[in-house]
């Protein structure tokens, strides 16, 4: 378990150093590094949004059908 703590400390130091280097980098380097990440994130969010919208649309349609059926039964 002690090795895990050392690994976490080393990881934090490395992440801090990389973050500092990234902050000091010119804008074009940041864009080159971030563009694939942002593109992938955008595609992921788009896919999640499409999926959620499909689920919402299906639920709304089922609710509408149920409401129409209940009106037919009342007549």
Protein backbone atom coordinates (compact mmCIF):
# COMPACT_ATOMS: atom_id res chain seq x y z
CA UNK A 1 0.00 0.00 0.00
CA UNK A 2 2.94 2.30 0.58
CA UNK A 3 3.92 1.97 -3.09
CA UNK A 4 0.49 3.23 -4.11
CA UNK A 5 0.98 6.40 -2.08
CA UNK A 6 4.40 7.00 -3.63
CA UNK A 7 2.94 6.43 -7.09
CA UNK A 8 0.17 8.94 -6.44
CA UNK A 9 2.66 11.56 -5.21
CA UNK A 10 4.89 11.05 -8.26
CA UNK A 11 1.85 11.22 -10.53
CA UNK A 12 0.77 14.52 -8.95
CA UNK A 13 4.25 16.00 -9.40
CA UNK A 14 4.38 14.90 -13.04
CA UNK A 15 0.90 16.29 -13.73
CA UNK A 16 1.85 19.59 -12.12
CA UNK A 17 5.02 19.79 -14.24
CA UNK A 18 3.15 18.94 -17.44
CA UNK A 19 0.46 21.48 -16.60
CA UNK A 20 3.07 24.15 -16.00
CA UNK A 21 4.80 23.34 -19.30
CA UNK A 22 1.46 23.41 -21.08
CA UNK A 23 0.60 26.82 -19.63
CA UNK A 24 3.93 28.21 -20.82
CA UNK A 25 3.55 26.74 -24.33
CA UNK A 26 2.59 28.97 -27.25
CA UNK A 27 -1.00 28.98 -28.46
CA UNK A 28 -0.35 26.93 -31.62
CA UNK A 29 1.15 24.10 -29.53
CA UNK A 30 -1.90 24.12 -27.27
CA UNK A 31 -4.19 23.97 -30.30
CA UNK A 32 -2.26 21.07 -31.82
CA UNK A 33 -2.42 19.15 -28.54
CA UNK A 34 -6.01 19.99 -27.66
CA UNK A 35 -7.72 19.75 -31.06
CA UNK A 36 -7.94 15.91 -31.18
CA UNK A 37 -9.11 15.82 -27.57
CA UNK A 38 -11.75 18.49 -28.16
CA UNK A 39 -12.87 16.80 -31.39
CA UNK A 40 -13.28 13.45 -29.63
CA UNK A 41 -15.10 15.09 -26.73
CA UNK A 42 -17.43 16.86 -29.15
CA UNK A 43 -18.24 13.61 -30.96
CA UNK A 44 -18.85 11.86 -27.64
CA UNK A 45 -21.19 14.61 -26.42
CA UNK A 46 -22.99 14.60 -29.78
CA UNK A 47 -23.55 10.83 -29.57
CA UNK A 48 -24.79 11.09 -25.97
CA UNK A 49 -27.11 13.95 -26.91
CA UNK A 50 -28.53 12.03 -29.87
CA UNK A 51 -29.11 8.99 -27.68
CA UNK A 52 -30.81 11.01 -24.93
CA UNK A 53 -32.94 12.87 -27.47
CA UNK A 54 -34.05 9.55 -28.98
CA UNK A 55 -35.00 8.21 -25.55
CA UNK A 56 -36.89 11.43 -24.75
CA UNK A 57 -38.70 11.38 -28.09
CA UNK A 58 -39.70 7.73 -27.63
CA UNK A 59 -40.99 8.40 -24.10
CA UNK A 60 -42.95 11.43 -25.28
CA UNK A 61 -44.47 9.41 -28.11
CA UNK A 62 -45.50 6.59 -25.76
CA UNK A 63 -47.03 9.12 -23.36
CA UNK A 64 -48.99 10.68 -26.22
CA UNK A 65 -50.26 7.27 -27.38
CA UNK A 66 -51.29 6.34 -23.83
CA UNK A 67 -53.16 9.63 -23.46
CA UNK A 68 -54.95 9.11 -26.75
CA UNK A 69 -55.89 5.55 -25.76
CA UNK A 70 -57.32 6.73 -22.44
CA UNK A 71 -59.46 9.30 -24.27
CA UNK A 72 -60.79 6.57 -26.57
CA UNK A 73 -61.72 4.40 -23.57
CA UNK A 74 -63.64 7.26 -21.92
CA UNK A 75 -65.92 7.69 -24.93
